[in-house]
Amino acid sequence: MNALKYRNPEVAPVVEIKVADKGNEWLFSFSDDDIGIEEQFFSKILVLFKRLQNRDEYPGTGIGLAICKKILESHSGRIWVESVPETGSTFYFTLRKRW
């Protein structure tokens, strides 16, 4: 959803979803061509109710990624992001194959 919300509205969004077998876990990635995130904010976007943009510019509550993080951690998974401002972002998460 964020890939559709945080993008240039004049350009059609591009989203790529991948999964890789990493032995004991699956590695999922979601890449997009959104507005990107500066590295100093990578950890902030995973905190409940923390937002980078003004609500007037982009609506939302700031809970989506925090909920994803909580769910993944409860299943021994991880979540992180790599991003370049004005270029796009790739969100990664892992899930163990067996609990």
PDB file of N, CA and C in Angstrom:
ATOM      1  N   MET A   1       0.802  -1.186   0.000  1.00  0.00           N
ATOM      2  CA  MET A   1       0.000   0.000   0.000  1.00  0.00           C
ATOM      3  C   MET A   1       0.856   1.266   0.000  1.00  0.00           C
ATOM      4  N   ASN A   2       1.953   1.249   0.789  1.00  0.00           N
ATOM      5  CA  ASN A   2       2.803   2.433   0.831  1.00  0.00           C
ATOM      6  C   ASN A   2       3.401   2.758  -0.529  1.00  0.00           C
ATOM      7  N   ALA A   3       3.673   1.732  -1.330  1.00  0.00           N
ATOM      8  CA  ALA A   3       4.228   1.962  -2.668  1.00  0.00           C
ATOM      9  C   ALA A   3       3.262   2.757  -3.529  1.00  0.00           C
ATOM     10  N   LEU A   4       1.982   2.610  -3.265  1.00  0.00           N
ATOM     11  CA  LEU A   4       0.981   3.354  -4.029  1.00  0.00           C
ATOM     12  C   LEU A   4       0.720   4.726  -3.426  1.00  0.00           C
ATOM     13  N   LYS A   5       0.873   4.851  -2.124  1.00  0.00           N
ATOM     14  CA  LYS A   5       0.610   6.124  -1.450  1.00  0.00           C
ATOM     15  C   LYS A   5       1.759   7.113  -1.630  1.00  0.00           C
ATOM     16  N   TYR A   6       2.991   6.666  -1.410  1.00  0.00           N
ATOM     17  CA  TYR A   6       4.160   7.544  -1.416  1.00  0.00           C
ATOM     18  C   TYR A   6       4.876   7.480  -2.759  1.00  0.00           C
ATOM     19  N   ARG A   7       4.273   8.075  -3.768  1.00  0.00           N
ATOM     20  CA  ARG A   7       4.859   8.045  -5.107  1.00  0.00           C
ATOM     21  C   ARG A   7       4.488   9.312  -5.855  1.00  0.00           C
ATOM     22  N   ASN A   8       5.091   9.475  -6.992  1.00  0.00           N
ATOM     23  CA  ASN A   8       4.754  10.575  -7.891  1.00  0.00           C
ATOM     24  C   ASN A   8       3.413  10.233  -8.548  1.00  0.00           C
ATOM     25  N   PRO A   9       2.374  11.017  -8.312  1.00  0.00           N
ATOM     26  CA  PRO A   9       1.056  10.682  -8.864  1.00  0.00           C
ATOM     27  C   PRO A   9       0.966  10.793 -10.383  1.00  0.00           C
ATOM     28  N   GLU A  10       1.969  11.371 -11.006  1.00  0.00           N
ATOM     29  CA  GLU A  10       1.959  11.543 -12.458  1.00  0.00           C
ATOM     30  C   GLU A  10       2.561  10.355 -13.199  1.00  0.00           C
ATOM     31  N   VAL A  11       3.099   9.389 -12.450  1.00  0.00           N
ATOM     32  CA  VAL A  11       3.762   8.231 -13.055  1.00  0.00           C
ATOM     33  C   VAL A  11       3.136   6.960 -12.493  1.00  0.00           C
ATOM     34  N   ALA A  12       2.873   5.989 -13.367  1.00  0.00           N
ATOM     35  CA  ALA A  12       2.323   4.712 -12.918  1.00  0.00           C
ATOM     36  C   ALA A  12       3.322   4.009 -12.001  1.00  0.00           C
ATOM     37  N   PRO A  13       2.853   3.453 -10.878  1.00  0.00           N
ATOM     38  CA  PRO A  13       3.778   2.789  -9.947  1.00  0.00           C
ATOM     39  C   PRO A  13       4.331   1.478 -10.509  1.00  0.00           C
ATOM     40  N   VAL A  14       5.538   1.152 -10.087  1.00  0.00           N
ATOM     41  CA  VAL A  14       6.171  -0.112 -10.434  1.00  0.00           C
ATOM     42  C   VAL A  14       6.514  -0.809  -9.123  1.00  0.00           C
ATOM     43  N   VAL A  15       5.988  -2.012  -8.920  1.00  0.00           N
ATOM     44  CA  VAL A  15       6.235  -2.782  -7.701  1.00  0.00           C
ATOM     45  C   VAL A  15       6.724  -4.169  -8.109  1.00  0.00           C
ATOM     46  N   GLU A  16       7.787  -4.630  -7.466  1.00  0.00           N
ATOM     47  CA  GLU A  16       8.337  -5.951  -7.744  1.00  0.00           C
ATOM     48  C   GLU A  16       8.353  -6.754  -6.442  1.00  0.00           C
ATOM     49  N   ILE A  17       7.815  -7.951  -6.470  1.00  0.00           N
ATOM     50  CA  ILE A  17       7.753  -8.821  -5.300  1.00  0.00           C
ATOM     51  C   ILE A  17       8.578 -10.067  -5.591  1.00  0.00           C
ATOM     52  N   LYS A  18       9.458 -10.406  -4.652  1.00  0.00           N
ATOM     53  CA  LYS A  18      10.313 -11.590  -4.818  1.00  0.00           C
ATOM     54  C   LYS A  18      10.326 -12.399  -3.532  1.00  0.00           C
ATOM     55  N   VAL A  19      10.651 -13.672  -3.670  1.00  0.00           N
ATOM     56  CA  VAL A  19      10.888 -14.540  -2.516  1.00  0.00           C
ATOM     57  C   VAL A  19      12.092 -15.416  -2.837  1.00  0.00           C
ATOM     58  N   ALA A  20      12.923 -15.636  -1.827  1.00  0.00           N
ATOM     59  CA  ALA A  20      14.119 -16.453  -2.004  1.00  0.00           C
ATOM     60  C   ALA A  20      14.225 -17.451  -0.857  1.00  0.00           C
ATOM     61  N   ASP A  21      14.665 -18.641  -1.187  1.00  0.00           N
ATOM     62  CA  ASP A  21      14.896 -19.697  -0.205  1.00  0.00           C
ATOM     63  C   ASP A  21      16.280 -19.470   0.394  1.00  0.00           C
ATOM     64  N   LYS A  22      16.331 -19.206   1.695  1.00  0.00           N
ATOM     65  CA  LYS A  22      17.602 -18.947   2.382  1.00  0.00           C
ATOM     66  C   LYS A  22      17.906 -20.015   3.427  1.00  0.00           C
ATOM     67  N   GLY A  23      17.629 -21.258   3.087  1.00  0.00           N
ATOM     68  CA  GLY A  23      17.918 -22.362   4.010  1.00  0.00           C
ATOM     69  C   GLY A  23      16.809 -22.558   5.023  1.00  0.00           C
ATOM     70  N   ASN A  24      17.005 -22.027   6.218  1.00  0.00           N
ATOM     71  CA  ASN A  24      16.017 -22.185   7.284  1.00  0.00           C
ATOM     72  C   ASN A  24      14.918 -21.132   7.253  1.00  0.00           C
ATOM     73  N   GLU A  25      15.017 -20.178   6.340  1.00  0.00           N
ATOM     74  CA  GLU A  25      14.012 -19.124   6.287  1.00  0.00           C
ATOM     75  C   GLU A  25      13.732 -18.710   4.844  1.00  0.00           C
ATOM     76  N   TRP A  26      12.614 -18.023   4.684  1.00  0.00           N
ATOM     77  CA  TRP A  26      12.255 -17.404   3.415  1.00  0.00           C
ATOM     78  C   TRP A  26      12.573 -15.920   3.511  1.00  0.00           C
ATOM     79  N   LEU A  27      13.113 -15.368   2.438  1.00  0.00           N
ATOM     80  CA  LEU A  27      13.382 -13.937   2.362  1.00  0.00           C
ATOM     81  C   LEU A  27      12.451 -13.343   1.312  1.00  0.00           C
ATOM     82  N   PHE A  28      11.575 -12.455   1.747  1.00  0.00           N
ATOM     83  CA  PHE A  28      10.643 -11.771   0.862  1.00  0.00           C
ATOM     84  C   PHE A  28      11.140 -10.350   0.652  1.00  0.00           C
ATOM     85  N   SER A  29      10.922  -9.812  -0.564  1.00  0.00           N
ATOM     86  CA  SER A  29      11.262  -8.411  -0.810  1.00  0.00           C
ATOM     87  C   SER A  29      10.181  -7.771  -1.675  1.00  0.00           C
ATOM     88  N   PHE A  30       9.943  -6.518  -1.372  1.00  0.00           N
ATOM     89  CA  PHE A  30       8.986  -5.696  -2.101  1.00  0.00           C
ATOM     90  C   PHE A  30       9.713  -4.428  -2.507  1.00  0.00           C
ATOM     91  N   SER A  31       9.935  -4.255  -3.805  1.00  0.00           N
ATOM     92  CA  SER A  31      10.636  -3.079  -4.318  1.00  0.00           C
ATOM     93  C   SER A  31       9.658  -2.192  -5.066  1.00  0.00           C
ATOM     94  N   ASP A  32       9.869  -0.891  -4.939  1.00  0.00           N
ATOM     95  CA  ASP A  32       8.999   0.051  -5.632  1.00  0.00           C
ATOM     96  C   ASP A  32       9.793   1.269  -6.077  1.00  0.00           C
ATOM     97  N   ASP A  33       9.139   2.116  -6.825  1.00  0.00           N
ATOM     98  CA  ASP A  33       9.765   3.343  -7.311  1.00  0.00           C
ATOM     99  C   ASP A  33       9.118   4.549  -6.644  1.00  0.00           C
ATOM    100  N   ASP A  34       8.914   4.442  -5.321  1.00  0.00           N
ATOM    101  CA  ASP A  34       8.252   5.507  -4.578  1.00  0.00           C
ATOM    102  C   ASP A  34       9.189   6.686  -4.318  1.00  0.00           C
ATOM    103  N   ILE A  35       8.816   7.557  -3.388  1.00  0.00           N
ATOM    104  CA  ILE A  35       9.602   8.758  -3.110  1.00  0.00           C
ATOM    105  C   ILE A  35      10.886   8.460  -2.353  1.00  0.00           C
ATOM    106  N   GLY A  36      11.021   7.256  -1.817  1.00  0.00           N
ATOM    107  CA  GLY A  36      12.235   6.875  -1.112  1.00  0.00           C
ATOM    108  C   GLY A  36      12.281   7.413   0.312  1.00  0.00           C
ATOM    109  N   ILE A  37      13.250   6.923   1.060  1.00  0.00           N
ATOM    110  CA  ILE A  37      13.411   7.272   2.469  1.00  0.00           C
ATOM    111  C   ILE A  37      14.897   7.510   2.731  1.00  0.00           C
ATOM    112  N   GLU A  38      15.200   8.574   3.447  1.00  0.00           N
ATOM    113  CA  GLU A  38      16.590   8.817   3.834  1.00  0.00           C
ATOM    114  C   GLU A  38      17.002   7.819   4.908  1.00  0.00           C
ATOM    115  N   GLU A  39      18.245   7.361   4.861  1.00  0.00           N
ATOM    116  CA  GLU A  39      18.735   6.317   5.753  1.00  0.00           C
ATOM    117  C   GLU A  39      18.537   6.653   7.230  1.00  0.00           C
ATOM    118  N   GLN A  40      18.640   7.903   7.583  1.00  0.00           N
ATOM    119  CA  GLN A  40      18.491   8.292   8.991  1.00  0.00           C
ATOM    120  C   GLN A  40      17.096   7.990   9.544  1.00  0.00           C
ATOM    121  N   PHE A  41      16.113   7.738   8.663  1.00  0.00           N
ATOM    122  CA  PHE A  41      14.748   7.468   9.090  1.00  0.00           C
ATOM    123  C   PHE A  41      14.356   5.995   8.993  1.00  0.00           C
ATOM    124  N   PHE A  42      15.268   5.120   8.611  1.00  0.00           N
ATOM    125  CA  PHE A  42      14.931   3.709   8.414  1.00  0.00           C
ATOM    126  C   PHE A  42      14.303   3.086   9.663  1.00  0.00           C
ATOM    127  N   SER A  43      14.882   3.309  10.824  1.00  0.00           N
ATOM    128  CA  SER A  43      14.341   2.691  12.041  1.00  0.00           C
ATOM    129  C   SER A  43      13.061   3.388  12.508  1.00  0.00           C
ATOM    130  N   LYS A  44      12.928   4.660  12.230  1.00  0.00           N
ATOM    131  CA  LYS A  44      11.749   5.411  12.679  1.00  0.00           C
ATOM    132  C   LYS A  44      10.464   4.903  12.036  1.00  0.00           C
ATOM    133  N   ILE A  45      10.515   4.499  10.780  1.00  0.00           N
ATOM    134  CA  ILE A  45       9.291   4.090  10.086  1.00  0.00           C
ATOM    135  C   ILE A  45       8.705   2.793  10.625  1.00  0.00           C
ATOM    136  N   LEU A  46       9.475   2.061  11.450  1.00  0.00           N
ATOM    137  CA  LEU A  46       8.991   0.806  12.023  1.00  0.00           C
ATOM    138  C   LEU A  46       8.448   0.979  13.438  1.00  0.00           C
ATOM    139  N   VAL A  47       8.354   2.235  13.902  1.00  0.00           N
ATOM    140  CA  VAL A  47       7.866   2.540  15.241  1.00  0.00           C
ATOM    141  C   VAL A  47       6.410   2.985  15.154  1.00  0.00           C
ATOM    142  N   LEU A  48       5.599   2.480  16.067  1.00  0.00           N
ATOM    143  CA  LEU A  48       4.170   2.781  16.095  1.00  0.00           C
ATOM    144  C   LEU A  48       3.915   4.287  16.144  1.00  0.00           C
ATOM    145  N   PHE A  49       3.073   4.761  15.260  1.00  0.00           N
ATOM    146  CA  PHE A  49       2.616   6.155  15.150  1.00  0.00           C
ATOM    147  C   PHE A  49       3.708   7.146  14.739  1.00  0.00           C
ATOM    148  N   LYS A  50       4.859   6.674  14.297  1.00  0.00           N
ATOM    149  CA  LYS A  50       5.905   7.578  13.806  1.00  0.00           C
ATOM    150  C   LYS A  50       5.704   7.764  12.308  1.00  0.00           C
ATOM    151  N   ARG A  51       5.634   8.998  11.905  1.00  0.00           N
ATOM    152  CA  ARG A  51       5.406   9.333  10.502  1.00  0.00           C
ATOM    153  C   ARG A  51       6.524  10.247  10.022  1.00  0.00           C
ATOM    154  N   LEU A  52       6.848  10.165   8.747  1.00  0.00           N
ATOM    155  CA  LEU A  52       7.870  11.040   8.175  1.00  0.00           C
ATOM    156  C   LEU A  52       7.256  12.237   7.473  1.00  0.00           C
ATOM    157  N   GLN A  53       6.026  12.094   6.985  1.00  0.00           N
ATOM    158  CA  GLN A  53       5.374  13.164   6.248  1.00  0.00           C
ATOM    159  C   GLN A  53       4.192  13.726   7.036  1.00  0.00           C
ATOM    160  N   ASN A  54       3.829  14.921   6.669  1.00  0.00           N
ATOM    161  CA  ASN A  54       2.677  15.595   7.249  1.00  0.00           C
ATOM    162  C   ASN A  54       1.400  14.879   6.826  1.00  0.00           C
ATOM    163  N   ARG A  55       0.425  14.773   7.730  1.00  0.00           N
ATOM    164  CA  ARG A  55      -0.852  14.121   7.419  1.00  0.00           C
ATOM    165  C   ARG A  55      -1.603  14.809   6.281  1.00  0.00           C
ATOM    166  N   ASP A  56      -1.382  16.094   6.118  1.00  0.00           N
ATOM    167  CA  ASP A  56      -2.036  16.806   5.019  1.00  0.00           C
ATOM    168  C   ASP A  56      -1.495  16.369   3.663  1.00  0.00           C
ATOM    169  N   GLU A  57      -0.220  16.028   3.644  1.00  0.00           N
ATOM    170  CA  GLU A  57       0.421  15.608   2.396  1.00  0.00           C
ATOM    171  C   GLU A  57       0.120  14.147   2.070  1.00  0.00           C
ATOM    172  N   TYR A  58       0.242  13.271   3.079  1.00  0.00           N
ATOM    173  CA  TYR A  58      -0.019  11.838   2.920  1.00  0.00           C
ATOM    174  C   TYR A  58      -0.832  11.358   4.113  1.00  0.00           C
ATOM    175  N   PRO A  59      -2.084  10.945   3.909  1.00  0.00           N
ATOM    176  CA  PRO A  59      -2.900  10.487   5.039  1.00  0.00           C
ATOM    177  C   PRO A  59      -2.414   9.146   5.583  1.00  0.00           C
ATOM    178  N   GLY A  60      -2.800   8.842   6.800  1.00  0.00           N
ATOM    179  CA  GLY A  60      -2.459   7.563   7.410  1.00  0.00           C
ATOM    180  C   GLY A  60      -2.197   7.714   8.893  1.00  0.00           C
ATOM    181  N   THR A  61      -2.079   6.578   9.570  1.00  0.00           N
ATOM    182  CA  THR A  61      -1.901   6.588  11.018  1.00  0.00           C
ATOM    183  C   THR A  61      -0.473   6.322  11.475  1.00  0.00           C
ATOM    184  N   GLY A  62       0.342   5.732  10.612  1.00  0.00           N
ATOM    185  CA  GLY A  62       1.702   5.389  11.017  1.00  0.00           C
ATOM    186  C   GLY A  62       1.775   4.083  11.793  1.00  0.00           C
ATOM    187  N   ILE A  63       0.805   3.180  11.574  1.00  0.00           N
ATOM    188  CA  ILE A  63       0.843   1.917  12.309  1.00  0.00           C
ATOM    189  C   ILE A  63       1.145   0.703  11.427  1.00  0.00           C
ATOM    190  N   GLY A  64       1.034   0.834  10.120  1.00  0.00           N
ATOM    191  CA  GLY A  64       1.152  -0.317   9.224  1.00  0.00           C
ATOM    192  C   GLY A  64       2.456  -1.082   9.348  1.00  0.00           C
ATOM    193  N   LEU A  65       3.580  -0.405   9.199  1.00  0.00           N
ATOM    194  CA  LEU A  65       4.871  -1.097   9.256  1.00  0.00           C
ATOM    195  C   LEU A  65       5.191  -1.565  10.671  1.00  0.00           C
ATOM    196  N   ALA A  66       4.720  -0.824  11.681  1.00  0.00           N
ATOM    197  CA  ALA A  66       4.938  -1.242  13.067  1.00  0.00           C
ATOM    198  C   ALA A  66       4.199  -2.556  13.344  1.00  0.00           C
ATOM    199  N   ILE A  67       2.999  -2.697  12.806  1.00  0.00           N
ATOM    200  CA  ILE A  67       2.252  -3.947  12.968  1.00  0.00           C
ATOM    201  C   ILE A  67       2.970  -5.081  12.251  1.00  0.00           C
ATOM    202  N   CYS A  68       3.453  -4.818  11.041  1.00  0.00           N
ATOM    203  CA  CYS A  68       4.218  -5.839  10.311  1.00  0.00           C
ATOM    204  C   CYS A  68       5.425  -6.295  11.128  1.00  0.00           C
ATOM    205  N   LYS A  69       6.138  -5.343  11.712  1.00  0.00           N
ATOM    206  CA  LYS A  69       7.316  -5.668  12.516  1.00  0.00           C
ATOM    207  C   LYS A  69       6.939  -6.548  13.701  1.00  0.00           C
ATOM    208  N   LYS A  70       5.879  -6.190  14.405  1.00  0.00           N
ATOM    209  CA  LYS A  70       5.443  -6.959  15.573  1.00  0.00           C
ATOM    210  C   LYS A  70       5.063  -8.391  15.181  1.00  0.00           C
ATOM    211  N   ILE A  71       4.328  -8.545  14.102  1.00  0.00           N
ATOM    212  CA  ILE A  71       3.925  -9.883  13.638  1.00  0.00           C
ATOM    213  C   ILE A  71       5.142 -10.711  13.266  1.00  0.00           C
ATOM    214  N   LEU A  72       6.058 -10.114  12.507  1.00  0.00           N
ATOM    215  CA  LEU A  72       7.254 -10.851  12.088  1.00  0.00           C
ATOM    216  C   LEU A  72       8.111 -11.250  13.274  1.00  0.00           C
ATOM    217  N   GLU A  73       8.291 -10.345  14.232  1.00  0.00           N
ATOM    218  CA  GLU A  73       9.092 -10.667  15.407  1.00  0.00           C
ATOM    219  C   GLU A  73       8.450 -11.786  16.228  1.00  0.00           C
ATOM    220  N   SER A  74       7.133 -11.830  16.274  1.00  0.00           N
ATOM    221  CA  SER A  74       6.464 -12.885  17.034  1.00  0.00           C
ATOM    222  C   SER A  74       6.637 -14.258  16.368  1.00  0.00           C
ATOM    223  N   HIS A  75       7.060 -14.255  15.104  1.00  0.00           N
ATOM    224  CA  HIS A  75       7.331 -15.494  14.374  1.00  0.00           C
ATOM    225  C   HIS A  75       8.818 -15.651  14.074  1.00  0.00           C
ATOM    226  N   SER A  76       9.660 -14.990  14.876  1.00  0.00           N
ATOM    227  CA  SER A  76      11.127 -15.042  14.754  1.00  0.00           C
ATOM    228  C   SER A  76      11.616 -14.511  13.412  1.00  0.00           C
ATOM    229  N   GLY A  77      10.877 -13.599  12.823  1.00  0.00           N
ATOM    230  CA  GLY A  77      11.286 -12.974  11.568  1.00  0.00           C
ATOM    231  C   GLY A  77      11.882 -11.599  11.798  1.00  0.00           C
ATOM    232  N   ARG A  78      12.335 -11.005  10.724  1.00  0.00           N
ATOM    233  CA  ARG A  78      12.925  -9.665  10.760  1.00  0.00           C
ATOM    234  C   ARG A  78      12.330  -8.846   9.623  1.00  0.00           C
ATOM    235  N   ILE A  79      12.403  -7.523   9.743  1.00  0.00           N
ATOM    236  CA  ILE A  79      11.990  -6.627   8.674  1.00  0.00           C
ATOM    237  C   ILE A  79      12.975  -5.460   8.632  1.00  0.00           C
ATOM    238  N   TRP A  80      13.321  -5.024   7.415  1.00  0.00           N
ATOM    239  CA  TRP A  80      14.198  -3.870   7.244  1.00  0.00           C
ATOM    240  C   TRP A  80      13.960  -3.274   5.869  1.00  0.00           C
ATOM    241  N   VAL A  81      14.549  -2.115   5.656  1.00  0.00           N
ATOM    242  CA  VAL A  81      14.365  -1.391   4.396  1.00  0.00           C
ATOM    243  C   VAL A  81      15.715  -0.920   3.874  1.00  0.00           C
ATOM    244  N   GLU A  82      15.819  -0.863   2.561  1.00  0.00           N
ATOM    245  CA  GLU A  82      16.912  -0.193   1.861  1.00  0.00           C
ATOM    246  C   GLU A  82      16.235   0.792   0.931  1.00  0.00           C
ATOM    247  N   SER A  83      16.747   2.003   0.856  1.00  0.00           N
ATOM    248  CA  SER A  83      16.068   3.017   0.062  1.00  0.00           C
ATOM    249  C   SER A  83      17.019   4.103  -0.385  1.00  0.00           C
ATOM    250  N   VAL A  84      16.662   4.723  -1.497  1.00  0.00           N
ATOM    251  CA  VAL A  84      17.370   5.886  -2.011  1.00  0.00           C
ATOM    252  C   VAL A  84      16.316   6.962  -2.259  1.00  0.00           C
ATOM    253  N   PRO A  85      16.445   8.119  -1.607  1.00  0.00           N
ATOM    254  CA  PRO A  85      15.457   9.180  -1.811  1.00  0.00           C
ATOM    255  C   PRO A  85      15.288   9.508  -3.296  1.00  0.00           C
ATOM    256  N   GLU A  86      14.044   9.719  -3.680  1.00  0.00           N
ATOM    257  CA  GLU A  86      13.649  10.057  -5.049  1.00  0.00           C
ATOM    258  C   GLU A  86      13.846   8.915  -6.051  1.00  0.00           C
ATOM    259  N   THR A  87      14.233   7.729  -5.573  1.00  0.00           N
ATOM    260  CA  THR A  87      14.472   6.592  -6.459  1.00  0.00           C
ATOM    261  C   THR A  87      13.564   5.412  -6.140  1.00  0.00           C
ATOM    262  N   GLY A  88      13.436   5.094  -4.864  1.00  0.00           N
ATOM    263  CA  GLY A  88      12.586   3.983  -4.478  1.00  0.00           C
ATOM    264  C   GLY A  88      13.080   3.266  -3.241  1.00  0.00           C
ATOM    265  N   SER A  89      12.319   2.265  -2.841  1.00  0.00           N
ATOM    266  CA  SER A  89      12.608   1.519  -1.615  1.00  0.00           C
ATOM    267  C   SER A  89      12.443   0.033  -1.859  1.00  0.00           C
ATOM    268  N   THR A  90      13.183  -0.754  -1.072  1.00  0.00           N
ATOM    269  CA  THR A  90      12.975  -2.190  -1.027  1.00  0.00           C
ATOM    270  C   THR A  90      12.823  -2.576   0.428  1.00  0.00           C
ATOM    271  N   PHE A  91      11.665  -3.164   0.747  1.00  0.00           N
ATOM    272  CA  PHE A  91      11.412  -3.688   2.074  1.00  0.00           C
ATOM    273  C   PHE A  91      11.659  -5.192   2.033  1.00  0.00           C
ATOM    274  N   TYR A  92      12.373  -5.663   3.038  1.00  0.00           N
ATOM    275  CA  TYR A  92      12.688  -7.079   3.161  1.00  0.00           C
ATOM    276  C   TYR A  92      12.076  -7.611   4.447  1.00  0.00           C
ATOM    277  N   PHE A  93      11.652  -8.864   4.412  1.00  0.00           N
ATOM    278  CA  PHE A  93      11.313  -9.529   5.669  1.00  0.00           C
ATOM    279  C   PHE A  93      11.592 -11.015   5.537  1.00  0.00           C
ATOM    280  N   THR A  94      11.850 -11.626   6.687  1.00  0.00           N
ATOM    281  CA  THR A  94      12.137 -13.052   6.732  1.00  0.00           C
ATOM    282  C   THR A  94      11.103 -13.762   7.602  1.00  0.00           C
ATOM    283  N   LEU A  95      10.887 -15.015   7.263  1.00  0.00           N
ATOM    284  CA  LEU A  95      10.075 -15.911   8.073  1.00  0.00           C
ATOM    285  C   LEU A  95      10.759 -17.264   8.114  1.00  0.00           C
ATOM    286  N   ARG A  96      10.842 -17.832   9.294  1.00  0.00           N
ATOM    287  CA  ARG A  96      11.414 -19.167   9.415  1.00  0.00           C
ATOM    288  C   ARG A  96      10.515 -20.165   8.701  1.00  0.00           C
ATOM    289  N   LYS A  97      11.117 -21.197   8.171  1.00  0.00           N
ATOM    290  CA  LYS A  97      10.331 -22.223   7.472  1.00  0.00           C
ATOM    291  C   LYS A  97       9.540 -23.083   8.445  1.00  0.00           C
ATOM    292  N   ARG A  98      10.123 -23.340   9.613  1.00  0.00           N
ATOM    293  CA  ARG A  98       9.445 -24.162  10.626  1.00  0.00           C
ATOM    294  C   ARG A  98       9.511 -23.437  11.950  1.00  0.00           C
ATOM    295  N   TRP A  99       8.401 -23.449  12.664  1.00  0.00           N
ATOM    296  CA  TRP A  99       8.377 -22.793  13.978  1.00  0.00           C
ATOM    297  C   TRP A  99       8.619 -23.752  15.064  1.00  0.00           C
TER     298      TRP A  99
END
